[in-house]
Amino acid sequence: AHVTGHHRTLTQDPVFAVDQLVEIAIRALSPAINDTFTAITCIDWLTAGLSHLSGRTAAIRVWRDPAGIPRLVQPGVSYERMVNGAFDKIRQAGRGMPAVAIRQLSGLGRIMEYAITKDQRAILTRQAEMIMRASEESVREMEDLDDIRARYEEVRALAAGHEAVIAPAPIEKRTSNPSL
């Protein structure tokens, strides 16, 4: 069954869950509230969800009538949309806040460990690059910037590690003469 109503649901609309967490995070980062801890908690939840999502492919749902005839084809949400939705607004609202940049980069590193395709890794790397550029422009404390750079390099190393082709170990030639 497909339930319709006035409100989005987490089950039928995973982007809704992302949007809710992002909304909480950017409100927490607003000057009126200035609650970095809540924003970081939201980043952690987004990281956990995207890590889980990274091991899957977007499913296409086909809704059929009682006779089995397809009546609605619902494409899955793109990975890029989910990642961008989870990171863009928080990155923008947290500009100049090292704790937010560090946590987002740490989250991208964790998600990268679950990424199964080259496209997923490219999307995650792009987010890391945007966080790094924003931090270089807005973070004035050099030691904070060094911490951010270290997290950024970890993400890049994880992406590169996934890109490396792991060749099978060479098979040793065996001879009957042990001295060879």
Protein backbone atom coordinates (compact mmCIF):
# COMPACT_ATOMS: atom_id res chain seq x y z
CA ALA A 1 0.00 0.00 0.00
CA HIS A 2 1.07 3.55 -0.55
CA VAL A 3 -0.11 5.95 2.11
CA THR A 4 -0.91 9.50 1.12
CA GLY A 5 -1.44 12.39 3.43
CA HIS A 6 -0.56 15.93 4.32
CA HIS A 7 2.89 15.14 5.70
CA ARG A 8 5.99 13.39 4.43
CA THR A 9 7.01 10.15 6.13
CA LEU A 10 10.47 8.79 6.87
CA THR A 11 9.60 5.39 5.43
CA GLN A 12 8.45 6.62 2.04
CA ASP A 13 10.77 9.63 1.75
CA PRO A 14 14.33 9.16 3.03
CA VAL A 15 15.22 12.71 1.93
CA PHE A 16 12.75 13.88 4.58
CA ALA A 17 14.92 12.38 7.33
CA VAL A 18 17.98 14.14 5.93
CA ASP A 19 16.09 17.42 5.64
CA GLN A 20 14.91 17.21 9.26
CA LEU A 21 18.41 16.63 10.62
CA VAL A 22 19.86 19.38 8.44
CA GLU A 23 17.16 21.79 9.60
CA ILE A 24 17.97 21.06 13.23
CA ALA A 25 21.69 21.50 12.55
CA ILE A 26 21.43 24.83 10.74
CA ARG A 27 19.08 26.21 13.37
CA ALA A 28 21.56 25.12 16.03
CA LEU A 29 24.32 26.95 14.15
CA SER A 30 22.33 30.18 13.90
CA PRO A 31 23.74 33.13 15.86
CA ALA A 32 20.60 33.23 17.99
CA ILE A 33 21.08 29.69 19.26
CA ASN A 34 24.80 28.99 18.67
CA ASP A 35 24.63 25.33 19.74
CA THR A 36 27.53 23.64 17.97
CA PHE A 37 27.09 20.43 19.96
CA THR A 38 23.60 19.85 18.55
CA ALA A 39 24.85 20.50 15.02
CA ILE A 40 27.67 17.99 15.52
CA THR A 41 25.18 15.41 16.80
CA CYS A 42 23.11 15.92 13.65
CA ILE A 43 26.24 15.46 11.52
CA ASP A 44 26.89 12.18 13.35
CA TRP A 45 23.36 10.94 12.59
CA LEU A 46 23.67 11.99 8.95
CA THR A 47 27.01 10.19 8.76
CA ALA A 48 25.49 6.99 10.13
CA GLY A 49 22.60 7.12 7.68
CA LEU A 50 24.79 7.85 4.67
CA SER A 51 27.22 5.11 5.66
CA HIS A 52 24.33 2.66 5.61
CA LEU A 53 23.05 4.07 2.32
CA SER A 54 26.49 3.88 0.68
CA GLY A 55 26.40 0.10 0.67
CA ARG A 56 23.21 0.05 -1.37
CA THR A 57 22.00 1.08 -4.78
CA ALA A 58 18.95 3.25 -5.31
CA ALA A 59 15.96 0.97 -5.64
CA ILE A 60 13.23 1.59 -8.16
CA ARG A 61 9.83 0.85 -6.69
CA VAL A 62 7.10 -0.44 -8.94
CA TRP A 63 3.57 -0.16 -7.62
CA ARG A 64 1.15 -2.63 -9.21
CA ASP A 65 -2.61 -2.95 -9.21
CA PRO A 66 -4.36 -6.18 -8.06
CA ALA A 67 -3.93 -7.65 -11.56
CA GLY A 68 -0.16 -7.09 -11.37
CA ILE A 69 -0.09 -4.27 -13.92
CA PRO A 70 2.48 -1.56 -13.07
CA ARG A 71 0.67 1.67 -12.22
CA LEU A 72 3.45 3.75 -10.72
CA VAL A 73 7.21 3.59 -11.15
CA GLN A 74 9.04 5.47 -8.41
CA PRO A 75 12.76 5.97 -9.00
CA GLY A 76 15.06 5.87 -6.01
CA VAL A 77 16.65 9.03 -4.67
CA SER A 78 20.08 9.66 -6.13
CA TYR A 79 23.11 9.23 -3.90
CA GLU A 80 24.37 12.66 -4.93
CA ARG A 81 21.12 14.29 -3.84
CA MET A 82 21.30 12.60 -0.44
CA VAL A 83 24.95 13.54 0.17
CA ASN A 84 24.55 17.11 -1.05
CA GLY A 85 21.39 17.49 1.01
CA ALA A 86 23.21 16.27 4.11
CA PHE A 87 26.31 18.44 3.73
CA ASP A 88 25.71 21.62 1.70
CA LYS A 89 23.56 23.69 4.05
CA ILE A 90 25.45 22.67 7.17
CA ARG A 91 28.75 23.53 5.50
CA GLN A 92 27.35 26.91 4.53
CA ALA A 93 25.84 27.64 7.94
CA GLY A 94 28.97 26.41 9.74
CA ARG A 95 31.40 28.46 7.67
CA GLY A 96 34.25 29.63 9.86
CA MET A 97 33.46 27.07 12.57
CA PRO A 98 36.35 24.59 12.79
CA ALA A 99 34.43 22.08 14.93
CA VAL A 100 31.76 21.75 12.24
CA ALA A 101 34.28 21.41 9.39
CA ILE A 102 36.30 18.82 11.30
CA ARG A 103 33.21 16.76 12.14
CA GLN A 104 31.91 16.92 8.57
CA LEU A 105 35.27 15.79 7.20
CA SER A 106 35.48 13.01 9.78
CA GLY A 107 31.99 11.96 8.74
CA LEU A 108 32.95 11.95 5.06
CA GLY A 109 35.89 9.71 5.95
CA ARG A 110 33.62 7.23 7.68
CA ILE A 111 31.14 7.28 4.81
CA MET A 112 34.00 6.80 2.34
CA GLU A 113 34.77 3.47 4.00
CA TYR A 114 31.33 2.22 2.94
CA ALA A 115 31.27 3.73 -0.56
CA ILE A 116 31.05 0.98 -3.15
CA THR A 117 31.34 2.88 -6.42
CA LYS A 118 33.75 5.33 -7.98
CA ASP A 119 30.86 7.79 -8.43
CA GLN A 120 30.05 7.68 -4.71
CA ARG A 121 33.68 8.35 -3.83
CA ALA A 122 33.76 11.29 -6.28
CA ILE A 123 30.64 12.80 -4.68
CA LEU A 124 32.14 12.46 -1.19
CA THR A 125 35.50 13.86 -2.33
CA ARG A 126 33.76 16.87 -3.90
CA GLN A 127 32.10 17.62 -0.55
CA ALA A 128 35.45 17.36 1.23
CA GLU A 129 37.01 19.77 -1.25
CA MET A 130 34.23 22.32 -0.70
CA ILE A 131 34.66 22.08 3.07
CA MET A 132 38.41 22.56 2.70
CA ARG A 133 38.05 25.59 0.41
CA ALA A 134 35.50 27.21 2.72
CA SER A 135 37.74 26.56 5.72
CA GLU A 136 40.82 28.05 4.05
CA GLU A 137 38.82 31.21 3.37
CA SER A 138 37.11 31.52 6.75
CA VAL A 139 39.17 29.88 9.51
CA ARG A 140 41.84 32.26 10.80
CA GLU A 141 43.42 30.15 13.55
CA MET A 142 46.28 28.22 11.93
CA GLU A 143 46.20 25.27 14.32
CA ASP A 144 42.48 24.82 13.68
CA LEU A 145 43.16 24.99 9.96
CA ASP A 146 45.91 22.37 10.38
CA ASP A 147 43.38 20.06 12.08
CA ILE A 148 40.93 20.60 9.23
CA ARG A 149 43.65 19.91 6.63
CA ALA A 150 44.59 16.68 8.42
CA ARG A 151 40.97 15.45 8.28
CA TYR A 152 40.75 16.48 4.63
CA GLU A 153 43.90 14.52 3.81
CA GLU A 154 42.43 11.47 5.57
CA VAL A 155 39.37 11.64 3.31
CA ARG A 156 41.59 11.97 0.23
CA ALA A 157 43.71 9.02 1.35
CA LEU A 158 40.62 6.86 1.87
CA ALA A 159 39.34 7.81 -1.58
CA ALA A 160 42.73 7.03 -3.12
CA GLY A 161 42.92 3.74 -1.23
CA HIS A 162 39.64 2.65 -2.75
CA GLU A 163 40.80 3.69 -6.20
CA ALA A 164 43.95 1.60 -6.07
CA VAL A 165 43.59 -1.61 -7.99
CA ILE A 166 44.52 -4.48 -5.79
CA ALA A 167 46.27 -6.99 -7.99
CA PRO A 168 46.25 -10.62 -6.94
CA ALA A 169 49.50 -11.86 -5.47
CA PRO A 170 51.71 -13.45 -8.09
CA ILE A 171 51.66 -17.22 -8.15
CA GLU A 172 55.05 -18.61 -7.32
CA LYS A 173 56.53 -21.05 -9.76
CA ARG A 174 57.25 -24.26 -8.04
CA THR A 175 60.00 -26.49 -9.16
CA SER A 176 61.13 -29.83 -7.96
CA ASN A 177 64.59 -28.45 -7.23
CA PRO A 178 64.46 -26.54 -3.91
CA SER A 179 67.65 -24.61 -4.70
CA LEU A 180 66.05 -22.78 -7.63
